[in-house]
Amino acid sequence: MAHPDTTPLPDGSVPIKLLHDRVLVRVDDGDGDRRSTGGILIPATAQVGRRLSWARVVAIGPNVRTIEVGDHVLFDPESHPEVELHGTEYVLLRERDVHALAAARVSDGHSGLYL
């Protein structure tokens, strides 16, 4: 049985159909070293408290109401399933698991973030 082609499209979206209120995201590359606002280098191995992560939406289900493919969303990465497609890691969320949304379409004089 041949597997369907899930190769990411040029815009970064993934040609799969999610069900219900599911959102498939690709986590931004934030796993490396980072700098504090004071310029101090914080190594990637440093132990920090629970951190939320930003990710780019690559596919949505038919019942997702406020999120679109290409949006950036803020979520808690601790307890969500991951899937690998063509060597790229993705995280599967439900719309209710998203804490904030950043998108160009909401730039009508506001910050573009919904918390």
PDB file of N, CA and C in Angstrom:
ATOM      1  N   MET A   1       0.845  -1.173   0.000  1.00  0.00           N
ATOM      2  CA  MET A   1       0.000   0.000   0.000  1.00  0.00           C
ATOM      3  C   MET A   1       0.893   1.241   0.000  1.00  0.00           C
ATOM      4  N   ALA A   2       0.677   2.126  -0.933  1.00  0.00           N
ATOM      5  CA  ALA A   2       1.476   3.345  -1.046  1.00  0.00           C
ATOM      6  C   ALA A   2       1.023   4.363  -0.007  1.00  0.00           C
ATOM      7  N   HIS A   3       2.010   5.042   0.577  1.00  0.00           N
ATOM      8  CA  HIS A   3       1.704   6.097   1.541  1.00  0.00           C
ATOM      9  C   HIS A   3       1.406   7.392   0.798  1.00  0.00           C
ATOM     10  N   PRO A   4       0.502   8.217   1.314  1.00  0.00           N
ATOM     11  CA  PRO A   4       0.205   9.490   0.648  1.00  0.00           C
ATOM     12  C   PRO A   4       1.413  10.422   0.730  1.00  0.00           C
ATOM     13  N   ASP A   5       1.509  11.327  -0.210  1.00  0.00           N
ATOM     14  CA  ASP A   5       2.618  12.279  -0.256  1.00  0.00           C
ATOM     15  C   ASP A   5       2.347  13.419   0.727  1.00  0.00           C
ATOM     16  N   THR A   6       3.155  13.496   1.773  1.00  0.00           N
ATOM     17  CA  THR A   6       3.013  14.559   2.773  1.00  0.00           C
ATOM     18  C   THR A   6       4.194  15.517   2.719  1.00  0.00           C
ATOM     19  N   THR A   7       4.832  15.613   1.552  1.00  0.00           N
ATOM     20  CA  THR A   7       5.955  16.527   1.382  1.00  0.00           C
ATOM     21  C   THR A   7       5.465  17.956   1.586  1.00  0.00           C
ATOM     22  N   PRO A   8       6.152  18.739   2.445  1.00  0.00           N
ATOM     23  CA  PRO A   8       5.731  20.132   2.658  1.00  0.00           C
ATOM     24  C   PRO A   8       5.711  20.918   1.344  1.00  0.00           C
ATOM     25  N   LEU A   9       4.724  21.778   1.216  1.00  0.00           N
ATOM     26  CA  LEU A   9       4.587  22.630   0.037  1.00  0.00           C
ATOM     27  C   LEU A   9       5.563  23.798   0.134  1.00  0.00           C
ATOM     28  N   PRO A  10       5.797  24.535  -0.956  1.00  0.00           N
ATOM     29  CA  PRO A  10       6.748  25.649  -0.926  1.00  0.00           C
ATOM     30  C   PRO A  10       6.457  26.699   0.152  1.00  0.00           C
ATOM     31  N   ASP A  11       5.193  26.885   0.512  1.00  0.00           N
ATOM     32  CA  ASP A  11       4.861  27.875   1.547  1.00  0.00           C
ATOM     33  C   ASP A  11       5.043  27.331   2.963  1.00  0.00           C
ATOM     34  N   GLY A  12       5.492  26.074   3.094  1.00  0.00           N
ATOM     35  CA  GLY A  12       5.720  25.472   4.403  1.00  0.00           C
ATOM     36  C   GLY A  12       4.547  24.689   4.946  1.00  0.00           C
ATOM     37  N   SER A  13       3.364  24.811   4.333  1.00  0.00           N
ATOM     38  CA  SER A  13       2.204  24.053   4.795  1.00  0.00           C
ATOM     39  C   SER A  13       2.378  22.591   4.423  1.00  0.00           C
ATOM     40  N   VAL A  14       1.614  21.746   5.093  1.00  0.00           N
ATOM     41  CA  VAL A  14       1.708  20.304   4.868  1.00  0.00           C
ATOM     42  C   VAL A  14       0.374  19.830   4.293  1.00  0.00           C
ATOM     43  N   PRO A  15       0.400  19.080   3.170  1.00  0.00           N
ATOM     44  CA  PRO A  15      -0.840  18.657   2.513  1.00  0.00           C
ATOM     45  C   PRO A  15      -1.488  17.448   3.193  1.00  0.00           C
ATOM     46  N   ILE A  16      -1.990  17.660   4.391  1.00  0.00           N
ATOM     47  CA  ILE A  16      -2.744  16.616   5.075  1.00  0.00           C
ATOM     48  C   ILE A  16      -4.039  17.225   5.583  1.00  0.00           C
ATOM     49  N   LYS A  17      -5.027  16.387   5.807  1.00  0.00           N
ATOM     50  CA  LYS A  17      -6.312  16.849   6.324  1.00  0.00           C
ATOM     51  C   LYS A  17      -6.407  16.454   7.789  1.00  0.00           C
ATOM     52  N   LEU A  18      -6.420  17.447   8.648  1.00  0.00           N
ATOM     53  CA  LEU A  18      -6.590  17.183  10.072  1.00  0.00           C
ATOM     54  C   LEU A  18      -8.076  17.115  10.384  1.00  0.00           C
ATOM     55  N   LEU A  19      -8.411  16.453  11.460  1.00  0.00           N
ATOM     56  CA  LEU A  19      -9.806  16.309  11.856  1.00  0.00           C
ATOM     57  C   LEU A  19     -10.158  17.266  12.989  1.00  0.00           C
ATOM     58  N   HIS A  20     -11.410  17.616  13.053  1.00  0.00           N
ATOM     59  CA  HIS A  20     -11.997  18.397  14.143  1.00  0.00           C
ATOM     60  C   HIS A  20     -11.263  19.712  14.374  1.00  0.00           C
ATOM     61  N   ASP A  21     -10.813  19.963  15.615  1.00  0.00           N
ATOM     62  CA  ASP A  21     -10.181  21.243  15.954  1.00  0.00           C
ATOM     63  C   ASP A  21      -8.669  21.101  16.094  1.00  0.00           C
ATOM     64  N   ARG A  22      -8.081  20.185  15.337  1.00  0.00           N
ATOM     65  CA  ARG A  22      -6.643  19.933  15.444  1.00  0.00           C
ATOM     66  C   ARG A  22      -5.849  20.978  14.672  1.00  0.00           C
ATOM     67  N   VAL A  23      -4.661  21.272  15.211  1.00  0.00           N
ATOM     68  CA  VAL A  23      -3.735  22.228  14.610  1.00  0.00           C
ATOM     69  C   VAL A  23      -2.362  21.568  14.581  1.00  0.00           C
ATOM     70  N   LEU A  24      -1.737  21.500  13.415  1.00  0.00           N
ATOM     71  CA  LEU A  24      -0.391  20.948  13.286  1.00  0.00           C
ATOM     72  C   LEU A  24       0.585  22.110  13.160  1.00  0.00           C
ATOM     73  N   VAL A  25       1.610  22.117  14.022  1.00  0.00           N
ATOM     74  CA  VAL A  25       2.553  23.229  14.052  1.00  0.00           C
ATOM     75  C   VAL A  25       3.985  22.728  13.931  1.00  0.00           C
ATOM     76  N   ARG A  26       4.842  23.600  13.416  1.00  0.00           N
ATOM     77  CA  ARG A  26       6.281  23.346  13.372  1.00  0.00           C
ATOM     78  C   ARG A  26       6.912  24.331  14.342  1.00  0.00           C
ATOM     79  N   VAL A  27       7.587  23.800  15.343  1.00  0.00           N
ATOM     80  CA  VAL A  27       8.156  24.629  16.400  1.00  0.00           C
ATOM     81  C   VAL A  27       9.299  25.458  15.840  1.00  0.00           C
ATOM     82  N   ASP A  28       9.306  26.743  16.199  1.00  0.00           N
ATOM     83  CA  ASP A  28      10.392  27.635  15.796  1.00  0.00           C
ATOM     84  C   ASP A  28      11.691  27.132  16.383  1.00  0.00           C
ATOM     85  N   ASP A  29      12.785  27.360  15.684  1.00  0.00           N
ATOM     86  CA  ASP A  29      14.097  26.919  16.150  1.00  0.00           C
ATOM     87  C   ASP A  29      14.549  27.792  17.305  1.00  0.00           C
ATOM     88  N   GLY A  30      14.101  27.464  18.505  1.00  0.00           N
ATOM     89  CA  GLY A  30      14.482  28.219  19.682  1.00  0.00           C
ATOM     90  C   GLY A  30      15.217  27.354  20.681  1.00  0.00           C
ATOM     91  N   ASP A  31      15.717  26.205  20.229  1.00  0.00           N
ATOM     92  CA  ASP A  31      16.356  25.272  21.135  1.00  0.00           C
ATOM     93  C   ASP A  31      17.832  25.574  21.364  1.00  0.00           C
ATOM     94  N   GLY A  32      18.386  26.536  20.628  1.00  0.00           N
ATOM     95  CA  GLY A  32      19.798  26.848  20.770  1.00  0.00           C
ATOM     96  C   GLY A  32      20.048  27.829  21.901  1.00  0.00           C
ATOM     97  N   ASP A  33      21.300  28.273  21.995  1.00  0.00           N
ATOM     98  CA  ASP A  33      21.655  29.271  22.990  1.00  0.00           C
ATOM     99  C   ASP A  33      20.857  30.540  22.739  1.00  0.00           C
ATOM    100  N   ARG A  34      20.599  31.300  23.778  1.00  0.00           N
ATOM    101  CA  ARG A  34      19.900  32.568  23.635  1.00  0.00           C
ATOM    102  C   ARG A  34      20.544  33.592  24.553  1.00  0.00           C
ATOM    103  N   ARG A  35      20.202  34.838  24.365  1.00  0.00           N
ATOM    104  CA  ARG A  35      20.770  35.922  25.171  1.00  0.00           C
ATOM    105  C   ARG A  35      19.667  36.589  25.971  1.00  0.00           C
ATOM    106  N   SER A  36      20.002  36.968  27.194  1.00  0.00           N
ATOM    107  CA  SER A  36      19.066  37.721  28.023  1.00  0.00           C
ATOM    108  C   SER A  36      19.028  39.155  27.508  1.00  0.00           C
ATOM    109  N   THR A  37      18.086  39.947  27.996  1.00  0.00           N
ATOM    110  CA  THR A  37      18.016  41.343  27.568  1.00  0.00           C
ATOM    111  C   THR A  37      19.246  42.122  27.998  1.00  0.00           C
ATOM    112  N   GLY A  38      19.948  41.648  28.997  1.00  0.00           N
ATOM    113  CA  GLY A  38      21.187  42.285  29.440  1.00  0.00           C
ATOM    114  C   GLY A  38      22.411  41.792  28.687  1.00  0.00           C
ATOM    115  N   GLY A  39      22.237  40.867  27.724  1.00  0.00           N
ATOM    116  CA  GLY A  39      23.336  40.400  26.905  1.00  0.00           C
ATOM    117  C   GLY A  39      24.027  39.154  27.422  1.00  0.00           C
ATOM    118  N   ILE A  40      23.520  38.546  28.489  1.00  0.00           N
ATOM    119  CA  ILE A  40      24.141  37.345  29.047  1.00  0.00           C
ATOM    120  C   ILE A  40      23.753  36.146  28.204  1.00  0.00           C
ATOM    121  N   LEU A  41      24.755  35.335  27.808  1.00  0.00           N
ATOM    122  CA  LEU A  41      24.505  34.130  27.019  1.00  0.00           C
ATOM    123  C   LEU A  41      23.937  33.036  27.914  1.00  0.00           C
ATOM    124  N   ILE A  42      22.773  32.500  27.529  1.00  0.00           N
ATOM    125  CA  ILE A  42      22.137  31.418  28.278  1.00  0.00           C
ATOM    126  C   ILE A  42      22.244  30.165  27.416  1.00  0.00           C
ATOM    127  N   PRO A  43      23.029  29.163  27.857  1.00  0.00           N
ATOM    128  CA  PRO A  43      23.197  27.959  27.029  1.00  0.00           C
ATOM    129  C   PRO A  43      21.900  27.179  26.895  1.00  0.00           C
ATOM    130  N   ALA A  44      21.795  26.442  25.782  1.00  0.00           N
ATOM    131  CA  ALA A  44      20.592  25.650  25.513  1.00  0.00           C
ATOM    132  C   ALA A  44      20.358  24.604  26.589  1.00  0.00           C
ATOM    133  N   THR A  45      21.411  24.193  27.301  1.00  0.00           N
ATOM    134  CA  THR A  45      21.278  23.159  28.323  1.00  0.00           C
ATOM    135  C   THR A  45      20.882  23.716  29.684  1.00  0.00           C
ATOM    136  N   ALA A  46      20.752  25.035  29.795  1.00  0.00           N
ATOM    137  CA  ALA A  46      20.392  25.647  31.083  1.00  0.00           C
ATOM    138  C   ALA A  46      18.993  25.217  31.492  1.00  0.00           C
ATOM    139  N   GLN A  47      18.845  24.890  32.762  1.00  0.00           N
ATOM    140  CA  GLN A  47      17.554  24.470  33.297  1.00  0.00           C
ATOM    141  C   GLN A  47      16.701  25.705  33.554  1.00  0.00           C
ATOM    142  N   VAL A  48      15.557  25.774  32.926  1.00  0.00           N
ATOM    143  CA  VAL A  48      14.631  26.885  33.139  1.00  0.00           C
ATOM    144  C   VAL A  48      13.287  26.301  33.536  1.00  0.00           C
ATOM    145  N   GLY A  49      12.441  27.137  34.090  1.00  0.00           N
ATOM    146  CA  GLY A  49      11.098  26.691  34.444  1.00  0.00           C
ATOM    147  C   GLY A  49      10.302  26.387  33.190  1.00  0.00           C
ATOM    148  N   ARG A  50       9.073  26.053  33.378  1.00  0.00           N
ATOM    149  CA  ARG A  50       8.218  25.762  32.220  1.00  0.00           C
ATOM    150  C   ARG A  50       8.183  26.955  31.297  1.00  0.00           C
ATOM    151  N   ARG A  51       8.510  26.723  30.052  1.00  0.00           N
ATOM    152  CA  ARG A  51       8.511  27.779  29.046  1.00  0.00           C
ATOM    153  C   ARG A  51       7.486  27.435  27.970  1.00  0.00           C
ATOM    154  N   LEU A  52       6.761  28.438  27.540  1.00  0.00           N
ATOM    155  CA  LEU A  52       5.883  28.259  26.402  1.00  0.00           C
ATOM    156  C   LEU A  52       6.713  28.400  25.132  1.00  0.00           C
ATOM    157  N   SER A  53       6.241  27.831  24.045  1.00  0.00           N
ATOM    158  CA  SER A  53       6.966  27.863  22.777  1.00  0.00           C
ATOM    159  C   SER A  53       6.109  28.491  21.689  1.00  0.00           C
ATOM    160  N   TRP A  54       6.790  29.152  20.750  1.00  0.00           N
ATOM    161  CA  TRP A  54       6.136  29.671  19.560  1.00  0.00           C
ATOM    162  C   TRP A  54       6.299  28.651  18.444  1.00  0.00           C
ATOM    163  N   ALA A  55       5.284  28.524  17.610  1.00  0.00           N
ATOM    164  CA  ALA A  55       5.343  27.603  16.478  1.00  0.00           C
ATOM    165  C   ALA A  55       4.536  28.177  15.318  1.00  0.00           C
ATOM    166  N   ARG A  56       4.885  27.748  14.122  1.00  0.00           N
ATOM    167  CA  ARG A  56       4.175  28.177  12.912  1.00  0.00           C
ATOM    168  C   ARG A  56       3.161  27.109  12.527  1.00  0.00           C
ATOM    169  N   VAL A  57       1.940  27.521  12.256  1.00  0.00           N
ATOM    170  CA  VAL A  57       0.857  26.606  11.894  1.00  0.00           C
ATOM    171  C   VAL A  57       1.049  26.147  10.448  1.00  0.00           C
ATOM    172  N   VAL A  58       1.036  24.821  10.235  1.00  0.00           N
ATOM    173  CA  VAL A  58       1.223  24.269   8.888  1.00  0.00           C
ATOM    174  C   VAL A  58      -0.017  23.561   8.357  1.00  0.00           C
ATOM    175  N   ALA A  59      -0.968  23.230   9.230  1.00  0.00           N
ATOM    176  CA  ALA A  59      -2.221  22.604   8.792  1.00  0.00           C
ATOM    177  C   ALA A  59      -3.254  22.765   9.907  1.00  0.00           C
ATOM    178  N   ILE A  60      -4.532  22.862   9.517  1.00  0.00           N
ATOM    179  CA  ILE A  60      -5.613  22.997  10.500  1.00  0.00           C
ATOM    180  C   ILE A  60      -6.773  22.092  10.112  1.00  0.00           C
ATOM    181  N   GLY A  61      -7.559  21.730  11.122  1.00  0.00           N
ATOM    182  CA  GLY A  61      -8.758  20.939  10.894  1.00  0.00           C
ATOM    183  C   GLY A  61      -9.935  21.829  10.525  1.00  0.00           C
ATOM    184  N   PRO A  62     -11.054  21.234  10.091  1.00  0.00           N
ATOM    185  CA  PRO A  62     -12.207  22.004   9.617  1.00  0.00           C
ATOM    186  C   PRO A  62     -12.940  22.787  10.705  1.00  0.00           C
ATOM    187  N   ASN A  63     -12.766  22.427  11.970  1.00  0.00           N
ATOM    188  CA  ASN A  63     -13.482  23.119  13.040  1.00  0.00           C
ATOM    189  C   ASN A  63     -12.637  24.176  13.752  1.00  0.00           C
ATOM    190  N   VAL A  64     -11.455  24.476  13.238  1.00  0.00           N
ATOM    191  CA  VAL A  64     -10.612  25.523  13.819  1.00  0.00           C
ATOM    192  C   VAL A  64     -11.194  26.867  13.384  1.00  0.00           C
ATOM    193  N   ARG A  65     -11.458  27.747  14.370  1.00  0.00           N
ATOM    194  CA  ARG A  65     -12.166  28.986  14.068  1.00  0.00           C
ATOM    195  C   ARG A  65     -11.288  30.220  13.972  1.00  0.00           C
ATOM    196  N   THR A  66     -10.240  30.325  14.785  1.00  0.00           N
ATOM    197  CA  THR A  66      -9.498  31.581  14.853  1.00  0.00           C
ATOM    198  C   THR A  66      -8.073  31.505  14.322  1.00  0.00           C
ATOM    199  N   ILE A  67      -7.598  30.334  13.977  1.00  0.00           N
ATOM    200  CA  ILE A  67      -6.213  30.143  13.558  1.00  0.00           C
ATOM    201  C   ILE A  67      -6.193  29.787  12.082  1.00  0.00           C
ATOM    202  N   GLU A  68      -5.184  30.317  11.358  1.00  0.00           N
ATOM    203  CA  GLU A  68      -5.021  30.012   9.948  1.00  0.00           C
ATOM    204  C   GLU A  68      -3.612  29.484   9.702  1.00  0.00           C
ATOM    205  N   VAL A  69      -3.439  28.751   8.622  1.00  0.00           N
ATOM    206  CA  VAL A  69      -2.113  28.266   8.236  1.00  0.00           C
ATOM    207  C   VAL A  69      -1.212  29.483   8.026  1.00  0.00           C
ATOM    208  N   GLY A  70      -0.013  29.423   8.587  1.00  0.00           N
ATOM    209  CA  GLY A  70       0.939  30.526   8.498  1.00  0.00           C
ATOM    210  C   GLY A  70       0.999  31.372   9.756  1.00  0.00           C
ATOM    211  N   ASP A  71      -0.021  31.294  10.620  1.00  0.00           N
ATOM    212  CA  ASP A  71      -0.014  32.033  11.880  1.00  0.00           C
ATOM    213  C   ASP A  71       1.068  31.486  12.801  1.00  0.00           C
ATOM    214  N   HIS A  72       1.489  32.287  13.758  1.00  0.00           N
ATOM    215  CA  HIS A  72       2.377  31.826  14.825  1.00  0.00           C
ATOM    216  C   HIS A  72       1.541  31.744  16.094  1.00  0.00           C
ATOM    217  N   VAL A  73       1.677  30.616  16.803  1.00  0.00           N
ATOM    218  CA  VAL A  73       0.897  30.391  18.012  1.00  0.00           C
ATOM    219  C   VAL A  73       1.817  30.082  19.180  1.00  0.00           C
ATOM    220  N   LEU A  74       1.357  30.425  20.372  1.00  0.00           N
ATOM    221  CA  LEU A  74       2.081  30.177  21.609  1.00  0.00           C
ATOM    222  C   LEU A  74       1.376  29.050  22.350  1.00  0.00           C
ATOM    223  N   PHE A  75       2.156  28.030  22.755  1.00  0.00           N
ATOM    224  CA  PHE A  75       1.555  26.876  23.416  1.00  0.00           C
ATOM    225  C   PHE A  75       2.541  26.269  24.400  1.00  0.00           C
ATOM    226  N   ASP A  76       2.045  25.395  25.268  1.00  0.00           N
ATOM    227  CA  ASP A  76       2.871  24.668  26.231  1.00  0.00           C
ATOM    228  C   ASP A  76       3.296  23.349  25.588  1.00  0.00           C
ATOM    229  N   PRO A  77       4.599  23.163  25.309  1.00  0.00           N
ATOM    230  CA  PRO A  77       5.031  21.974  24.578  1.00  0.00           C
ATOM    231  C   PRO A  77       5.140  20.704  25.412  1.00  0.00           C
ATOM    232  N   GLU A  78       4.883  20.773  26.692  1.00  0.00           N
ATOM    233  CA  GLU A  78       5.122  19.636  27.591  1.00  0.00           C
ATOM    234  C   GLU A  78       4.323  18.379  27.274  1.00  0.00           C
ATOM    235  N   SER A  79       3.058  18.507  26.949  1.00  0.00           N
ATOM    236  CA  SER A  79       2.228  17.295  26.887  1.00  0.00           C
ATOM    237  C   SER A  79       1.486  17.126  25.562  1.00  0.00           C
ATOM    238  N   HIS A  80       2.152  17.407  24.457  1.00  0.00           N
ATOM    239  CA  HIS A  80       1.488  17.272  23.165  1.00  0.00           C
ATOM    240  C   HIS A  80       2.250  16.288  22.283  1.00  0.00           C
ATOM    241  N   PRO A  81       1.513  15.476  21.542  1.00  0.00           N
ATOM    242  CA  PRO A  81       2.173  14.476  20.697  1.00  0.00           C
ATOM    243  C   PRO A  81       2.957  15.128  19.561  1.00  0.00           C
ATOM    244  N   GLU A  82       4.078  14.491  19.223  1.00  0.00           N
ATOM    245  CA  GLU A  82       4.904  14.945  18.114  1.00  0.00           C
ATOM    246  C   GLU A  82       4.823  13.918  16.996  1.00  0.00           C
ATOM    247  N   VAL A  83       5.011  14.386  15.779  1.00  0.00           N
ATOM    248  CA  VAL A  83       5.023  13.504  14.617  1.00  0.00           C
ATOM    249  C   VAL A  83       6.153  13.969  13.698  1.00  0.00           C
ATOM    250  N   GLU A  84       6.782  13.016  13.037  1.00  0.00           N
ATOM    251  CA  GLU A  84       7.845  13.354  12.093  1.00  0.00           C
ATOM    252  C   GLU A  84       7.381  13.037  10.684  1.00  0.00           C
ATOM    253  N   LEU A  85       7.480  14.013   9.801  1.00  0.00           N
ATOM    254  CA  LEU A  85       7.142  13.844   8.392  1.00  0.00           C
ATOM    255  C   LEU A  85       8.326  14.307   7.562  1.00  0.00           C
ATOM    256  N   HIS A  86       8.887  13.428   6.774  1.00  0.00           N
ATOM    257  CA  HIS A  86      10.022  13.746   5.906  1.00  0.00           C
ATOM    258  C   HIS A  86      11.175  14.379   6.677  1.00  0.00           C
ATOM    259  N   GLY A  87      11.439  13.873   7.870  1.00  0.00           N
ATOM    260  CA  GLY A  87      12.565  14.345   8.666  1.00  0.00           C
ATOM    261  C   GLY A  87      12.313  15.634   9.429  1.00  0.00           C
ATOM    262  N   THR A  88      11.107  16.159   9.393  1.00  0.00           N
ATOM    263  CA  THR A  88      10.773  17.384  10.101  1.00  0.00           C
ATOM    264  C   THR A  88       9.817  17.059  11.236  1.00  0.00           C
ATOM    265  N   GLU A  89      10.112  17.597  12.425  1.00  0.00           N
ATOM    266  CA  GLU A  89       9.266  17.350  13.601  1.00  0.00           C
ATOM    267  C   GLU A  89       8.118  18.367  13.657  1.00  0.00           C
ATOM    268  N   TYR A  90       6.924  17.866  13.941  1.00  0.00           N
ATOM    269  CA  TYR A  90       5.737  18.693  14.101  1.00  0.00           C
ATOM    270  C   TYR A  90       5.079  18.343  15.425  1.00  0.00           C
ATOM    271  N   VAL A  91       4.246  19.247  15.932  1.00  0.00           N
ATOM    272  CA  VAL A  91       3.492  19.023  17.162  1.00  0.00           C
ATOM    273  C   VAL A  91       2.013  19.142  16.824  1.00  0.00           C
ATOM    274  N   LEU A  92       1.208  18.234  17.370  1.00  0.00           N
ATOM    275  CA  LEU A  92      -0.231  18.236  17.144  1.00  0.00           C
ATOM    276  C   LEU A  92      -0.921  18.837  18.359  1.00  0.00           C
ATOM    277  N   LEU A  93      -1.730  19.874  18.128  1.00  0.00           N
ATOM    278  CA  LEU A  93      -2.441  20.580  19.198  1.00  0.00           C
ATOM    279  C   LEU A  93      -3.931  20.556  18.928  1.00  0.00           C
ATOM    280  N   ARG A  94      -4.685  20.928  19.939  1.00  0.00           N
ATOM    281  CA  ARG A  94      -6.092  21.271  19.759  1.00  0.00           C
ATOM    282  C   ARG A  94      -6.157  22.793  19.834  1.00  0.00           C
ATOM    283  N   GLU A  95      -7.130  23.379  19.200  1.00  0.00           N
ATOM    284  CA  GLU A  95      -7.224  24.845  19.184  1.00  0.00           C
ATOM    285  C   GLU A  95      -7.269  25.413  20.599  1.00  0.00           C
ATOM    286  N   ARG A  96      -7.906  24.731  21.508  1.00  0.00           N
ATOM    287  CA  ARG A  96      -8.016  25.233  22.880  1.00  0.00           C
ATOM    288  C   ARG A  96      -6.687  25.212  23.636  1.00  0.00           C
ATOM    289  N   ASP A  97      -5.676  24.490  23.106  1.00  0.00           N
ATOM    290  CA  ASP A  97      -4.359  24.442  23.740  1.00  0.00           C
ATOM    291  C   ASP A  97      -3.487  25.636  23.376  1.00  0.00           C
ATOM    292  N   VAL A  98      -3.944  26.470  22.469  1.00  0.00           N
ATOM    293  CA  VAL A  98      -3.180  27.636  22.031  1.00  0.00           C
ATOM    294  C   VAL A  98      -3.460  28.792  22.983  1.00  0.00           C
ATOM    295  N   HIS A  99      -2.388  29.405  23.502  1.00  0.00           N
ATOM    296  CA  HIS A  99      -2.510  30.501  24.462  1.00  0.00           C
ATOM    297  C   HIS A  99      -2.534  31.870  23.803  1.00  0.00           C
ATOM    298  N   ALA A 100      -1.867  32.019  22.653  1.00  0.00           N
ATOM    299  CA  ALA A 100      -1.796  33.312  21.978  1.00  0.00           C
ATOM    300  C   ALA A 100      -1.602  33.086  20.487  1.00  0.00           C
ATOM    301  N   LEU A 101      -1.950  34.111  19.729  1.00  0.00           N
ATOM    302  CA  LEU A 101      -1.880  34.063  18.280  1.00  0.00           C
ATOM    303  C   LEU A 101      -1.207  35.329  17.782  1.00  0.00           C
ATOM    304  N   ALA A 102      -0.229  35.198  16.898  1.00  0.00           N
ATOM    305  CA  ALA A 102       0.408  36.343  16.251  1.00  0.00           C
ATOM    306  C   ALA A 102       0.262  36.155  14.752  1.00  0.00           C
ATOM    307  N   ALA A 103      -0.365  37.135  14.095  1.00  0.00           N
ATOM    308  CA  ALA A 103      -0.597  37.014  12.659  1.00  0.00           C
ATOM    309  C   ALA A 103      -0.628  38.395  12.027  1.00  0.00           C
ATOM    310  N   ALA A 104      -0.164  38.489  10.792  1.00  0.00           N
ATOM    311  CA  ALA A 104      -0.138  39.765  10.072  1.00  0.00           C
ATOM    312  C   ALA A 104      -1.549  40.302   9.849  1.00  0.00           C
ATOM    313  N   ARG A 105      -2.532  39.441   9.697  1.00  0.00           N
ATOM    314  CA  ARG A 105      -3.893  39.889   9.386  1.00  0.00           C
ATOM    315  C   ARG A 105      -4.548  40.659  10.529  1.00  0.00           C
ATOM    316  N   VAL A 106      -3.990  40.578  11.721  1.00  0.00           N
ATOM    317  CA  VAL A 106      -4.573  41.287  12.863  1.00  0.00           C
ATOM    318  C   VAL A 106      -3.814  42.564  13.181  1.00  0.00           C
ATOM    319  N   SER A 107      -3.053  43.082  12.214  1.00  0.00           N
ATOM    320  CA  SER A 107      -2.239  44.273  12.451  1.00  0.00           C
ATOM    321  C   SER A 107      -2.999  45.547  12.109  1.00  0.00           C
ATOM    322  N   ASP A 108      -4.167  45.710  12.661  1.00  0.00           N
ATOM    323  CA  ASP A 108      -4.984  46.899  12.426  1.00  0.00           C
ATOM    324  C   ASP A 108      -4.764  47.927  13.533  1.00  0.00           C
ATOM    325  N   GLY A 109      -3.511  48.193  13.854  1.00  0.00           N
ATOM    326  CA  GLY A 109      -3.200  49.148  14.904  1.00  0.00           C
ATOM    327  C   GLY A 109      -3.016  48.503  16.254  1.00  0.00           C
ATOM    328  N   HIS A 110      -3.261  47.196  16.339  1.00  0.00           N
ATOM    329  CA  HIS A 110      -3.078  46.480  17.583  1.00  0.00           C
ATOM    330  C   HIS A 110      -1.753  45.718  17.520  1.00  0.00           C
ATOM    331  N   SER A 111      -1.390  45.072  18.582  1.00  0.00           N
ATOM    332  CA  SER A 111      -0.108  44.378  18.631  1.00  0.00           C
ATOM    333  C   SER A 111      -0.069  43.151  17.745  1.00  0.00           C
ATOM    334  N   GLY A 112      -1.223  42.585  17.389  1.00  0.00           N
ATOM    335  CA  GLY A 112      -1.242  41.366  16.611  1.00  0.00           C
ATOM    336  C   GLY A 112      -1.251  40.116  17.478  1.00  0.00           C
ATOM    337  N   LEU A 113      -1.221  40.293  18.797  1.00  0.00           N
ATOM    338  CA  LEU A 113      -1.240  39.169  19.711  1.00  0.00           C
ATOM    339  C   LEU A 113      -2.582  39.098  20.400  1.00  0.00           C
ATOM    340  N   TYR A 114      -3.133  37.927  20.477  1.00  0.00           N
ATOM    341  CA  TYR A 114      -4.345  37.696  21.235  1.00  0.00           C
ATOM    342  C   TYR A 114      -3.990  36.776  22.387  1.00  0.00           C
ATOM    343  N   LEU A 115      -4.140  37.243  23.617  1.00  0.00           N
ATOM    344  CA  LEU A 115      -3.829  36.436  24.787  1.00  0.00           C
ATOM    345  C   LEU A 115      -5.098  36.055  25.500  1.00  0.00           C
TER     346      LEU A 115
END
